[in-house]
Amino acid sequence: MRVRTEDGRTSEETIPANEIREWISNGPFVITIGNAGGVSLELNGRSIPRLGASGAVITRLVLPSDNQ
């Protein structure tokens, strides 16, 4: 998983099952996910629906989206 924050900081790592990561930003996040079916996301305490099947790759997810 790769997460880029609005200030340009990037974090990239393989996150083990049942591990939790938290990123903080005043602006949007740009996220790349290598296994969409294996990831659960929350934004500001609200769950985001599953993004894809096991093994599906998400190359540019922007949270929050421009229309939120």
N, C-alpha and C. Protein backbone atom coordinates (compact mmCIF):
# COMPACT_ATOMS: atom_id res chain seq x y z
N MET A 1 0.85 -1.16 0.00
CA MET A 1 0.00 0.00 0.00
C MET A 1 0.90 1.23 0.00
N ARG A 2 0.52 2.21 -0.80
CA ARG A 2 1.25 3.48 -0.83
C ARG A 2 0.26 4.60 -0.54
N VAL A 3 0.64 5.49 0.36
CA VAL A 3 -0.22 6.63 0.71
C VAL A 3 0.61 7.90 0.57
N ARG A 4 0.09 8.85 -0.21
CA ARG A 4 0.73 10.16 -0.34
C ARG A 4 -0.21 11.21 0.24
N THR A 5 0.31 12.06 1.11
CA THR A 5 -0.50 13.12 1.72
C THR A 5 -0.35 14.41 0.92
N GLU A 6 -1.19 15.39 1.22
CA GLU A 6 -1.21 16.63 0.46
C GLU A 6 0.09 17.40 0.53
N ASP A 7 0.90 17.15 1.55
CA ASP A 7 2.18 17.86 1.65
C ASP A 7 3.31 17.12 0.94
N GLY A 8 2.97 16.03 0.22
CA GLY A 8 3.94 15.31 -0.58
C GLY A 8 4.62 14.15 0.11
N ARG A 9 4.35 13.94 1.40
CA ARG A 9 4.96 12.80 2.09
C ARG A 9 4.35 11.51 1.57
N THR A 10 5.19 10.49 1.38
CA THR A 10 4.74 9.20 0.88
C THR A 10 5.18 8.10 1.82
N SER A 11 4.26 7.19 2.11
CA SER A 11 4.54 6.00 2.91
C SER A 11 4.18 4.80 2.04
N GLU A 12 5.10 3.85 1.94
CA GLU A 12 4.83 2.65 1.15
C GLU A 12 5.29 1.43 1.94
N GLU A 13 4.37 0.48 2.15
CA GLU A 13 4.72 -0.72 2.90
C GLU A 13 3.72 -1.84 2.64
N THR A 14 4.16 -3.05 2.91
CA THR A 14 3.27 -4.20 2.93
C THR A 14 2.75 -4.31 4.36
N ILE A 15 1.46 -4.24 4.53
CA ILE A 15 0.86 -4.23 5.86
C ILE A 15 0.36 -5.64 6.17
N PRO A 16 0.87 -6.26 7.23
CA PRO A 16 0.43 -7.61 7.60
C PRO A 16 -1.06 -7.65 7.97
N ALA A 17 -1.66 -8.82 7.83
CA ALA A 17 -3.07 -9.01 8.20
C ALA A 17 -3.31 -8.55 9.63
N ASN A 18 -4.44 -7.93 9.85
CA ASN A 18 -4.90 -7.46 11.16
C ASN A 18 -4.08 -6.32 11.74
N GLU A 19 -3.20 -5.74 10.96
CA GLU A 19 -2.44 -4.57 11.40
C GLU A 19 -3.23 -3.31 11.03
N ILE A 20 -3.03 -2.26 11.80
CA ILE A 20 -3.72 -0.99 11.57
C ILE A 20 -2.68 0.10 11.34
N ARG A 21 -2.94 0.93 10.37
CA ARG A 21 -2.11 2.10 10.10
C ARG A 21 -3.01 3.33 10.10
N GLU A 22 -2.44 4.46 10.50
CA GLU A 22 -3.19 5.71 10.51
C GLU A 22 -2.33 6.80 9.89
N TRP A 23 -2.93 7.57 8.99
CA TRP A 23 -2.26 8.71 8.40
C TRP A 23 -3.10 9.94 8.68
N ILE A 24 -2.44 11.07 8.90
CA ILE A 24 -3.13 12.32 9.21
C ILE A 24 -2.71 13.35 8.18
N SER A 25 -3.70 14.08 7.66
CA SER A 25 -3.43 15.10 6.66
C SER A 25 -4.55 16.13 6.67
N ASN A 26 -4.21 17.36 6.34
CA ASN A 26 -5.23 18.40 6.21
C ASN A 26 -5.88 18.41 4.83
N GLY A 27 -5.33 17.66 3.91
CA GLY A 27 -5.85 17.60 2.55
C GLY A 27 -6.09 16.17 2.14
N PRO A 28 -6.27 15.95 0.85
CA PRO A 28 -6.59 14.60 0.37
C PRO A 28 -5.40 13.65 0.45
N PHE A 29 -5.72 12.37 0.46
CA PHE A 29 -4.74 11.29 0.37
C PHE A 29 -4.83 10.71 -1.04
N VAL A 30 -3.70 10.32 -1.61
CA VAL A 30 -3.68 9.58 -2.86
C VAL A 30 -3.15 8.19 -2.51
N ILE A 31 -3.95 7.17 -2.77
CA ILE A 31 -3.65 5.82 -2.27
C ILE A 31 -3.55 4.84 -3.43
N THR A 32 -2.54 3.96 -3.35
CA THR A 32 -2.39 2.82 -4.25
C THR A 32 -2.49 1.57 -3.40
N ILE A 33 -3.32 0.62 -3.82
CA ILE A 33 -3.53 -0.61 -3.05
C ILE A 33 -3.27 -1.80 -3.97
N GLY A 34 -2.44 -2.73 -3.52
CA GLY A 34 -2.10 -3.89 -4.32
C GLY A 34 -3.06 -5.05 -4.18
N ASN A 35 -3.87 -5.05 -3.15
CA ASN A 35 -4.86 -6.12 -2.93
C ASN A 35 -6.11 -5.50 -2.32
N ALA A 36 -6.94 -4.93 -3.16
CA ALA A 36 -8.11 -4.18 -2.68
C ALA A 36 -9.03 -5.01 -1.81
N GLY A 37 -9.13 -6.31 -2.08
CA GLY A 37 -10.00 -7.17 -1.29
C GLY A 37 -9.48 -7.45 0.10
N GLY A 38 -8.21 -7.16 0.33
CA GLY A 38 -7.61 -7.43 1.64
C GLY A 38 -7.46 -6.21 2.51
N VAL A 39 -8.10 -5.10 2.12
CA VAL A 39 -7.93 -3.84 2.84
C VAL A 39 -9.28 -3.29 3.28
N SER A 40 -9.34 -2.85 4.52
CA SER A 40 -10.51 -2.11 5.03
C SER A 40 -10.05 -0.70 5.32
N LEU A 41 -10.80 0.28 4.83
CA LEU A 41 -10.43 1.68 5.03
C LEU A 41 -11.51 2.42 5.80
N GLU A 42 -11.05 3.40 6.58
CA GLU A 42 -11.94 4.35 7.23
C GLU A 42 -11.40 5.74 6.95
N LEU A 43 -12.29 6.70 6.84
CA LEU A 43 -11.91 8.10 6.70
C LEU A 43 -12.69 8.89 7.73
N ASN A 44 -11.99 9.51 8.64
CA ASN A 44 -12.62 10.29 9.72
C ASN A 44 -13.63 9.46 10.49
N GLY A 45 -13.27 8.19 10.77
CA GLY A 45 -14.12 7.31 11.57
C GLY A 45 -15.25 6.63 10.82
N ARG A 46 -15.37 6.88 9.53
CA ARG A 46 -16.44 6.28 8.73
C ARG A 46 -15.87 5.24 7.78
N SER A 47 -16.47 4.05 7.77
CA SER A 47 -16.00 2.98 6.90
C SER A 47 -16.23 3.33 5.44
N ILE A 48 -15.28 2.93 4.61
CA ILE A 48 -15.38 3.08 3.17
C ILE A 48 -15.72 1.71 2.60
N PRO A 49 -16.71 1.61 1.71
CA PRO A 49 -17.07 0.30 1.16
C PRO A 49 -15.87 -0.39 0.51
N ARG A 50 -15.88 -1.73 0.53
CA ARG A 50 -14.80 -2.52 -0.06
C ARG A 50 -14.55 -2.03 -1.48
N LEU A 51 -13.28 -1.91 -1.85
CA LEU A 51 -12.90 -1.29 -3.11
C LEU A 51 -12.75 -2.26 -4.27
N GLY A 52 -12.69 -3.56 -3.97
CA GLY A 52 -12.52 -4.52 -5.05
C GLY A 52 -12.33 -5.92 -4.51
N ALA A 53 -12.17 -6.86 -5.43
CA ALA A 53 -11.99 -8.26 -5.08
C ALA A 53 -10.56 -8.53 -4.63
N SER A 54 -10.35 -9.69 -4.05
CA SER A 54 -9.02 -10.11 -3.65
C SER A 54 -8.09 -10.08 -4.86
N GLY A 55 -6.96 -9.43 -4.70
CA GLY A 55 -5.98 -9.33 -5.78
C GLY A 55 -6.16 -8.15 -6.70
N ALA A 56 -7.29 -7.46 -6.61
CA ALA A 56 -7.53 -6.29 -7.47
C ALA A 56 -6.58 -5.16 -7.07
N VAL A 57 -6.07 -4.45 -8.05
CA VAL A 57 -5.13 -3.35 -7.81
C VAL A 57 -5.86 -2.02 -8.03
N ILE A 58 -5.72 -1.13 -7.08
CA ILE A 58 -6.25 0.24 -7.18
C ILE A 58 -5.04 1.14 -7.33
N THR A 59 -4.93 1.87 -8.45
CA THR A 59 -3.72 2.64 -8.70
C THR A 59 -3.79 4.10 -8.29
N ARG A 60 -4.97 4.66 -8.15
CA ARG A 60 -5.04 6.08 -7.75
C ARG A 60 -6.41 6.36 -7.13
N LEU A 61 -6.49 6.13 -5.84
CA LEU A 61 -7.71 6.43 -5.09
C LEU A 61 -7.45 7.72 -4.33
N VAL A 62 -8.30 8.73 -4.53
CA VAL A 62 -8.14 10.00 -3.84
C VAL A 62 -9.22 10.09 -2.77
N LEU A 63 -8.80 10.27 -1.53
CA LEU A 63 -9.73 10.41 -0.39
C LEU A 63 -9.41 11.68 0.37
N PRO A 64 -10.36 12.51 0.74
CA PRO A 64 -11.72 12.42 0.23
C PRO A 64 -11.73 12.83 -1.23
N SER A 65 -12.72 12.33 -1.95
CA SER A 65 -12.84 12.68 -3.36
C SER A 65 -13.21 14.15 -3.48
N ASP A 66 -13.06 14.70 -4.67
CA ASP A 66 -13.35 16.11 -4.90
C ASP A 66 -14.79 16.48 -4.59
N ASN A 67 -15.71 15.50 -4.64
CA ASN A 67 -17.13 15.82 -4.41
C ASN A 67 -17.58 15.53 -2.99
N GLN A 68 -16.65 15.27 -2.06
CA GLN A 68 -17.06 15.04 -0.66
C GLN A 68 -16.88 16.28 0.15
